[in-house]
Amino acid sequence: MMIGRLNHVAIVVPDLEAATKLYRDTLGAEVSSPKDQPDHGVTTVFVELPNSKIEFLHPLGENSPVAKFLERNPAGGIHHLCYEVDDIYAARDRLLADGLRILGDDEPKIGAHGKPVLFLHPKDFNGTLVEIEQV
């Protein structure tokens, strides 16, 4: 099997503070401090769950890729799913060999966890943006 466990579900939120408060104070989850990710045009907050994480995404800067998502979905919403893989290059090569599309230049970038990631075209995955992250 190529993919491992679900690493996180990413949710674009219009208000990071309100989302953090809801999950921390109402749901009782452990929630990280906001962290700017200038290379990705987002500010992230991670909600730690026993079996996975929720990642809040909020636009950072004028060219944020999630700004358009918020324009179309002002209340926010699920943005992508992230699955773990043991070897991102082997996973990439298999996906490309099977005719699937990788967003960008097919080269892994360093993601919010400091690990290599790739994003897979939503049209190839039932309308869902998929991120794979090397563990």
N, C-alpha and C. Protein backbone atom coordinates (compact mmCIF):
# COMPACT_ATOMS: atom_id res chain seq x y z
N MET A 1 0.85 -1.18 0.00
CA MET A 1 0.00 0.00 0.00
C MET A 1 0.89 1.24 0.00
N MET A 2 0.52 2.21 -0.83
CA MET A 2 1.33 3.41 -0.93
C MET A 2 1.03 4.42 0.18
N ILE A 3 -0.26 4.74 0.43
CA ILE A 3 -0.55 5.76 1.44
C ILE A 3 -0.67 5.14 2.82
N GLY A 4 -0.25 5.91 3.79
CA GLY A 4 -0.35 5.49 5.18
C GLY A 4 -1.52 6.19 5.85
N ARG A 5 -1.31 6.58 7.08
CA ARG A 5 -2.42 7.14 7.85
C ARG A 5 -2.78 8.55 7.37
N LEU A 6 -3.99 8.95 7.72
CA LEU A 6 -4.44 10.31 7.46
C LEU A 6 -3.66 11.22 8.40
N ASN A 7 -2.87 12.13 7.84
CA ASN A 7 -2.08 13.04 8.68
C ASN A 7 -2.93 14.19 9.19
N HIS A 8 -3.68 14.82 8.27
CA HIS A 8 -4.56 15.91 8.70
C HIS A 8 -5.63 16.21 7.66
N VAL A 9 -6.68 16.87 8.14
CA VAL A 9 -7.71 17.46 7.29
C VAL A 9 -7.52 18.96 7.42
N ALA A 10 -7.37 19.64 6.27
CA ALA A 10 -7.15 21.10 6.29
C ALA A 10 -8.46 21.82 6.03
N ILE A 11 -8.74 22.81 6.87
CA ILE A 11 -9.95 23.61 6.78
C ILE A 11 -9.55 25.07 6.63
N VAL A 12 -10.03 25.72 5.57
CA VAL A 12 -9.81 27.16 5.42
C VAL A 12 -10.81 27.87 6.33
N VAL A 13 -10.30 28.79 7.14
CA VAL A 13 -11.18 29.50 8.09
C VAL A 13 -11.08 31.01 7.85
N PRO A 14 -12.23 31.71 7.96
CA PRO A 14 -12.20 33.17 7.80
C PRO A 14 -11.64 33.87 9.03
N ASP A 15 -11.68 33.22 10.20
CA ASP A 15 -11.24 33.84 11.45
C ASP A 15 -10.48 32.79 12.26
N LEU A 16 -9.15 32.89 12.25
CA LEU A 16 -8.31 31.91 12.96
C LEU A 16 -8.58 31.91 14.46
N GLU A 17 -8.75 33.09 15.01
CA GLU A 17 -8.95 33.19 16.46
C GLU A 17 -10.26 32.51 16.88
N ALA A 18 -11.32 32.74 16.11
CA ALA A 18 -12.61 32.12 16.44
C ALA A 18 -12.54 30.60 16.28
N ALA A 19 -11.87 30.13 15.22
CA ALA A 19 -11.75 28.69 15.01
C ALA A 19 -10.93 28.05 16.13
N THR A 20 -9.85 28.71 16.51
CA THR A 20 -9.00 28.21 17.60
C THR A 20 -9.79 28.13 18.90
N LYS A 21 -10.52 29.19 19.19
CA LYS A 21 -11.33 29.25 20.43
C LYS A 21 -12.37 28.13 20.45
N LEU A 22 -13.05 27.92 19.31
CA LEU A 22 -14.07 26.87 19.23
C LEU A 22 -13.48 25.50 19.55
N TYR A 23 -12.38 25.16 18.90
CA TYR A 23 -11.79 23.83 19.09
C TYR A 23 -11.11 23.69 20.45
N ARG A 24 -10.45 24.76 20.92
CA ARG A 24 -9.74 24.70 22.21
C ARG A 24 -10.71 24.79 23.38
N ASP A 25 -11.57 25.82 23.39
CA ASP A 25 -12.40 26.09 24.56
C ASP A 25 -13.69 25.29 24.58
N THR A 26 -14.32 25.07 23.43
CA THR A 26 -15.58 24.34 23.39
C THR A 26 -15.37 22.85 23.25
N LEU A 27 -14.47 22.44 22.35
CA LEU A 27 -14.25 21.01 22.12
C LEU A 27 -13.14 20.43 22.99
N GLY A 28 -12.35 21.30 23.64
CA GLY A 28 -11.32 20.83 24.56
C GLY A 28 -10.08 20.25 23.90
N ALA A 29 -9.81 20.65 22.66
CA ALA A 29 -8.65 20.11 21.94
C ALA A 29 -7.40 20.91 22.25
N GLU A 30 -6.26 20.27 22.07
CA GLU A 30 -4.97 20.95 22.16
C GLU A 30 -4.74 21.64 20.82
N VAL A 31 -4.51 22.96 20.85
CA VAL A 31 -4.40 23.75 19.63
C VAL A 31 -3.08 24.53 19.66
N SER A 32 -2.36 24.50 18.53
CA SER A 32 -1.07 25.19 18.45
C SER A 32 -1.26 26.70 18.31
N SER A 33 -0.18 27.43 18.45
CA SER A 33 -0.18 28.85 18.14
C SER A 33 -0.17 29.02 16.63
N PRO A 34 -0.68 30.15 16.12
CA PRO A 34 -0.62 30.40 14.68
C PRO A 34 0.82 30.50 14.21
N LYS A 35 1.08 29.96 13.01
CA LYS A 35 2.42 30.04 12.43
C LYS A 35 2.29 30.49 10.97
N ASP A 36 2.97 31.59 10.64
CA ASP A 36 2.96 32.07 9.26
C ASP A 36 3.83 31.16 8.40
N GLN A 37 3.30 30.81 7.23
CA GLN A 37 4.03 29.98 6.25
C GLN A 37 4.14 30.81 4.97
N PRO A 38 5.06 31.78 4.93
CA PRO A 38 5.13 32.71 3.78
C PRO A 38 5.34 31.99 2.44
N ASP A 39 6.07 30.88 2.43
CA ASP A 39 6.30 30.15 1.18
C ASP A 39 5.01 29.57 0.60
N HIS A 40 4.01 29.38 1.46
CA HIS A 40 2.74 28.79 1.03
C HIS A 40 1.58 29.78 1.04
N GLY A 41 1.84 31.01 1.53
CA GLY A 41 0.81 32.05 1.54
C GLY A 41 -0.31 31.80 2.52
N VAL A 42 0.01 31.11 3.63
CA VAL A 42 -1.01 30.83 4.63
C VAL A 42 -0.45 30.99 6.04
N THR A 43 -1.35 31.20 6.97
CA THR A 43 -1.05 31.06 8.38
C THR A 43 -1.75 29.77 8.82
N THR A 44 -1.02 28.93 9.56
CA THR A 44 -1.58 27.64 9.98
C THR A 44 -1.72 27.56 11.49
N VAL A 45 -2.71 26.80 11.90
CA VAL A 45 -2.90 26.40 13.29
C VAL A 45 -3.21 24.90 13.24
N PHE A 46 -2.59 24.13 14.11
CA PHE A 46 -2.87 22.69 14.14
C PHE A 46 -3.62 22.30 15.40
N VAL A 47 -4.67 21.52 15.20
CA VAL A 47 -5.46 20.95 16.29
C VAL A 47 -5.02 19.50 16.42
N GLU A 48 -4.50 19.15 17.59
CA GLU A 48 -4.01 17.78 17.82
C GLU A 48 -5.18 16.89 18.26
N LEU A 49 -5.36 15.80 17.55
CA LEU A 49 -6.36 14.80 17.90
C LEU A 49 -5.63 13.51 18.25
N PRO A 50 -6.28 12.58 18.95
CA PRO A 50 -5.58 11.34 19.30
C PRO A 50 -5.09 10.55 18.09
N ASN A 51 -5.79 10.65 16.96
CA ASN A 51 -5.46 9.81 15.81
C ASN A 51 -5.08 10.60 14.56
N SER A 52 -5.09 11.93 14.62
CA SER A 52 -4.81 12.74 13.44
C SER A 52 -4.72 14.20 13.86
N LYS A 53 -4.80 15.10 12.88
CA LYS A 53 -4.79 16.53 13.17
C LYS A 53 -5.80 17.24 12.26
N ILE A 54 -6.23 18.41 12.69
CA ILE A 54 -6.96 19.35 11.85
C ILE A 54 -6.00 20.51 11.63
N GLU A 55 -5.89 20.97 10.40
CA GLU A 55 -5.05 22.13 10.09
C GLU A 55 -5.97 23.26 9.66
N PHE A 56 -5.94 24.37 10.40
CA PHE A 56 -6.65 25.57 9.96
C PHE A 56 -5.74 26.34 9.03
N LEU A 57 -6.27 26.80 7.92
CA LEU A 57 -5.54 27.63 6.96
C LEU A 57 -6.23 28.98 6.86
N HIS A 58 -5.43 30.03 6.91
CA HIS A 58 -5.96 31.39 6.77
C HIS A 58 -5.02 32.13 5.81
N PRO A 59 -5.57 32.95 4.90
CA PRO A 59 -4.73 33.64 3.92
C PRO A 59 -3.63 34.49 4.57
N LEU A 60 -2.44 34.45 3.96
CA LEU A 60 -1.31 35.28 4.38
C LEU A 60 -0.75 35.94 3.13
N GLY A 61 -0.82 37.24 3.08
CA GLY A 61 -0.29 37.96 1.93
C GLY A 61 -1.32 38.07 0.81
N GLU A 62 -0.99 38.88 -0.19
CA GLU A 62 -1.94 39.19 -1.25
C GLU A 62 -2.14 38.06 -2.24
N ASN A 63 -1.15 37.18 -2.38
CA ASN A 63 -1.25 36.10 -3.37
C ASN A 63 -1.55 34.75 -2.74
N SER A 64 -2.22 34.76 -1.61
CA SER A 64 -2.52 33.51 -0.91
C SER A 64 -3.41 32.61 -1.76
N PRO A 65 -3.03 31.32 -1.89
CA PRO A 65 -3.87 30.40 -2.66
C PRO A 65 -5.22 30.12 -2.00
N VAL A 66 -5.35 30.40 -0.71
CA VAL A 66 -6.64 30.13 -0.07
C VAL A 66 -7.57 31.35 -0.04
N ALA A 67 -7.08 32.51 -0.50
CA ALA A 67 -7.93 33.70 -0.52
C ALA A 67 -9.11 33.49 -1.47
N LYS A 68 -8.86 32.93 -2.65
CA LYS A 68 -9.94 32.67 -3.60
C LYS A 68 -10.93 31.65 -3.05
N PHE A 69 -10.41 30.65 -2.32
CA PHE A 69 -11.27 29.66 -1.69
C PHE A 69 -12.25 30.36 -0.74
N LEU A 70 -11.76 31.32 0.05
CA LEU A 70 -12.62 32.05 0.99
C LEU A 70 -13.61 32.95 0.26
N GLU A 71 -13.21 33.49 -0.90
CA GLU A 71 -14.16 34.30 -1.68
C GLU A 71 -15.34 33.44 -2.12
N ARG A 72 -15.06 32.20 -2.53
CA ARG A 72 -16.12 31.30 -2.98
C ARG A 72 -16.88 30.67 -1.81
N ASN A 73 -16.21 30.56 -0.66
CA ASN A 73 -16.78 29.92 0.53
C ASN A 73 -16.53 30.82 1.74
N PRO A 74 -17.31 31.89 1.88
CA PRO A 74 -17.02 32.88 2.93
C PRO A 74 -17.02 32.32 4.35
N ALA A 75 -17.74 31.23 4.58
CA ALA A 75 -17.76 30.63 5.92
C ALA A 75 -16.59 29.67 6.13
N GLY A 76 -15.77 29.45 5.08
CA GLY A 76 -14.68 28.50 5.16
C GLY A 76 -15.14 27.12 4.69
N GLY A 77 -14.27 26.14 4.86
CA GLY A 77 -14.62 24.78 4.47
C GLY A 77 -13.40 23.90 4.32
N ILE A 78 -13.64 22.61 4.11
CA ILE A 78 -12.54 21.65 3.95
C ILE A 78 -11.78 21.98 2.67
N HIS A 79 -10.48 22.07 2.78
CA HIS A 79 -9.60 22.44 1.66
C HIS A 79 -8.89 21.23 1.08
N HIS A 80 -8.27 20.39 1.93
CA HIS A 80 -7.58 19.20 1.43
C HIS A 80 -7.43 18.16 2.53
N LEU A 81 -7.10 16.95 2.07
CA LEU A 81 -6.75 15.84 2.95
C LEU A 81 -5.27 15.54 2.77
N CYS A 82 -4.57 15.22 3.84
CA CYS A 82 -3.15 14.89 3.76
C CYS A 82 -2.92 13.47 4.24
N TYR A 83 -2.30 12.68 3.36
CA TYR A 83 -1.96 11.29 3.69
C TYR A 83 -0.44 11.16 3.81
N GLU A 84 -0.01 10.28 4.69
CA GLU A 84 1.42 10.02 4.86
C GLU A 84 1.90 8.98 3.85
N VAL A 85 3.13 9.16 3.38
CA VAL A 85 3.80 8.17 2.53
C VAL A 85 5.21 7.98 3.07
N ASP A 86 5.76 6.77 2.87
CA ASP A 86 7.13 6.49 3.34
C ASP A 86 8.18 7.15 2.45
N ASP A 87 7.93 7.18 1.15
CA ASP A 87 8.92 7.69 0.19
C ASP A 87 8.19 8.56 -0.83
N ILE A 88 8.35 9.86 -0.70
CA ILE A 88 7.58 10.77 -1.55
C ILE A 88 7.99 10.67 -3.02
N TYR A 89 9.26 10.37 -3.28
CA TYR A 89 9.71 10.25 -4.67
C TYR A 89 9.14 8.99 -5.32
N ALA A 90 9.13 7.89 -4.59
CA ALA A 90 8.54 6.65 -5.13
C ALA A 90 7.04 6.85 -5.35
N ALA A 91 6.38 7.55 -4.41
CA ALA A 91 4.95 7.82 -4.56
C ALA A 91 4.71 8.70 -5.79
N ARG A 92 5.51 9.75 -5.93
CA ARG A 92 5.38 10.65 -7.09
C ARG A 92 5.55 9.88 -8.40
N ASP A 93 6.59 9.06 -8.47
CA ASP A 93 6.87 8.34 -9.71
C ASP A 93 5.74 7.38 -10.06
N ARG A 94 5.18 6.73 -9.06
CA ARG A 94 4.06 5.81 -9.31
C ARG A 94 2.82 6.56 -9.78
N LEU A 95 2.52 7.69 -9.13
CA LEU A 95 1.37 8.51 -9.52
C LEU A 95 1.52 8.99 -10.96
N LEU A 96 2.70 9.51 -11.30
CA LEU A 96 2.93 10.00 -12.66
C LEU A 96 2.85 8.87 -13.67
N ALA A 97 3.38 7.70 -13.31
CA ALA A 97 3.34 6.54 -14.21
C ALA A 97 1.89 6.12 -14.47
N ASP A 98 1.03 6.34 -13.49
CA ASP A 98 -0.39 5.99 -13.63
C ASP A 98 -1.19 7.12 -14.29
N GLY A 99 -0.50 8.19 -14.72
CA GLY A 99 -1.16 9.26 -15.45
C GLY A 99 -1.85 10.29 -14.57
N LEU A 100 -1.54 10.31 -13.28
CA LEU A 100 -2.16 11.27 -12.38
C LEU A 100 -1.33 12.55 -12.36
N ARG A 101 -1.98 13.66 -12.04
CA ARG A 101 -1.34 14.97 -12.11
C ARG A 101 -0.93 15.48 -10.73
N ILE A 102 0.25 16.06 -10.69
CA ILE A 102 0.77 16.69 -9.48
C ILE A 102 0.77 18.19 -9.75
N LEU A 103 0.31 18.97 -8.79
CA LEU A 103 0.29 20.42 -8.97
C LEU A 103 1.71 20.97 -8.84
N GLY A 104 2.02 22.00 -9.59
CA GLY A 104 3.35 22.59 -9.55
C GLY A 104 4.29 21.89 -10.52
N ASP A 105 5.55 21.79 -10.11
CA ASP A 105 6.58 21.28 -11.02
C ASP A 105 6.98 19.83 -10.76
N ASP A 106 6.17 19.08 -10.06
CA ASP A 106 6.41 17.66 -9.73
C ASP A 106 7.54 17.47 -8.70
N GLU A 107 8.10 18.55 -8.18
CA GLU A 107 9.14 18.43 -7.16
C GLU A 107 8.55 18.73 -5.79
N PRO A 108 8.84 17.87 -4.79
CA PRO A 108 8.32 18.12 -3.44
C PRO A 108 8.78 19.47 -2.88
N LYS A 109 7.91 20.08 -2.10
CA LYS A 109 8.24 21.31 -1.39
C LYS A 109 8.18 20.98 0.10
N ILE A 110 8.78 21.83 0.92
CA ILE A 110 8.73 21.60 2.36
C ILE A 110 7.42 22.18 2.89
N GLY A 111 6.65 21.32 3.57
CA GLY A 111 5.33 21.71 4.07
C GLY A 111 5.38 22.28 5.47
N ALA A 112 4.21 22.46 6.05
CA ALA A 112 4.06 23.10 7.36
C ALA A 112 4.72 22.30 8.49
N HIS A 113 4.93 20.99 8.29
CA HIS A 113 5.58 20.17 9.32
C HIS A 113 7.08 20.04 9.09
N GLY A 114 7.61 20.78 8.09
CA GLY A 114 9.03 20.70 7.80
C GLY A 114 9.41 19.44 7.03
N LYS A 115 8.43 18.79 6.42
CA LYS A 115 8.66 17.55 5.67
C LYS A 115 8.26 17.75 4.21
N PRO A 116 8.82 16.94 3.29
CA PRO A 116 8.48 17.09 1.88
C PRO A 116 7.02 16.74 1.60
N VAL A 117 6.38 17.58 0.77
CA VAL A 117 4.97 17.37 0.41
C VAL A 117 4.76 17.60 -1.08
N LEU A 118 3.70 16.99 -1.59
CA LEU A 118 3.21 17.22 -2.94
C LEU A 118 1.70 17.33 -2.88
N PHE A 119 1.12 18.13 -3.77
CA PHE A 119 -0.33 18.23 -3.88
C PHE A 119 -0.76 17.59 -5.19
N LEU A 120 -1.82 16.79 -5.12
CA LEU A 120 -2.31 16.03 -6.26
C LEU A 120 -3.59 16.68 -6.79
N HIS A 121 -3.74 16.67 -8.10
CA HIS A 121 -4.84 17.38 -8.75
C HIS A 121 -6.20 16.86 -8.29
N PRO A 122 -7.09 17.77 -7.84
CA PRO A 122 -8.40 17.33 -7.35
C PRO A 122 -9.23 16.58 -8.39
N LYS A 123 -9.06 16.90 -9.67
CA LYS A 123 -9.86 16.22 -10.70
C LYS A 123 -9.48 14.75 -10.82
N ASP A 124 -8.30 14.38 -10.32
CA ASP A 124 -7.88 12.97 -10.34
C ASP A 124 -8.32 12.23 -9.08
N PHE A 125 -8.81 12.96 -8.07
CA PHE A 125 -9.16 12.35 -6.78
C PHE A 125 -10.56 12.74 -6.33
N ASN A 126 -11.52 12.50 -7.21
CA ASN A 126 -12.93 12.67 -6.88
C ASN A 126 -13.26 14.07 -6.38
N GLY A 127 -12.61 15.08 -6.97
CA GLY A 127 -12.90 16.46 -6.61
C GLY A 127 -12.26 16.91 -5.31
N THR A 128 -11.32 16.13 -4.78
CA THR A 128 -10.69 16.46 -3.51
C THR A 128 -9.21 16.75 -3.72
N LEU A 129 -8.74 17.90 -3.24
CA LEU A 129 -7.32 18.20 -3.25
C LEU A 129 -6.66 17.28 -2.24
N VAL A 130 -5.61 16.55 -2.67
CA VAL A 130 -4.91 15.61 -1.80
C VAL A 130 -3.47 16.05 -1.68
N GLU A 131 -2.98 16.05 -0.44
CA GLU A 131 -1.57 16.31 -0.15
C GLU A 131 -0.97 15.00 0.31
N ILE A 132 0.24 14.69 -0.15
CA ILE A 132 0.98 13.57 0.43
C ILE A 132 2.21 14.14 1.10
N GLU A 133 2.54 13.56 2.26
CA GLU A 133 3.66 14.05 3.06
C GLU A 133 4.53 12.88 3.45
N GLN A 134 5.84 13.03 3.23
CA GLN A 134 6.77 11.97 3.63
C GLN A 134 6.92 11.98 5.14
N VAL A 135 6.83 10.80 5.74
CA VAL A 135 6.97 10.71 7.21
C VAL A 135 8.40 10.38 7.59
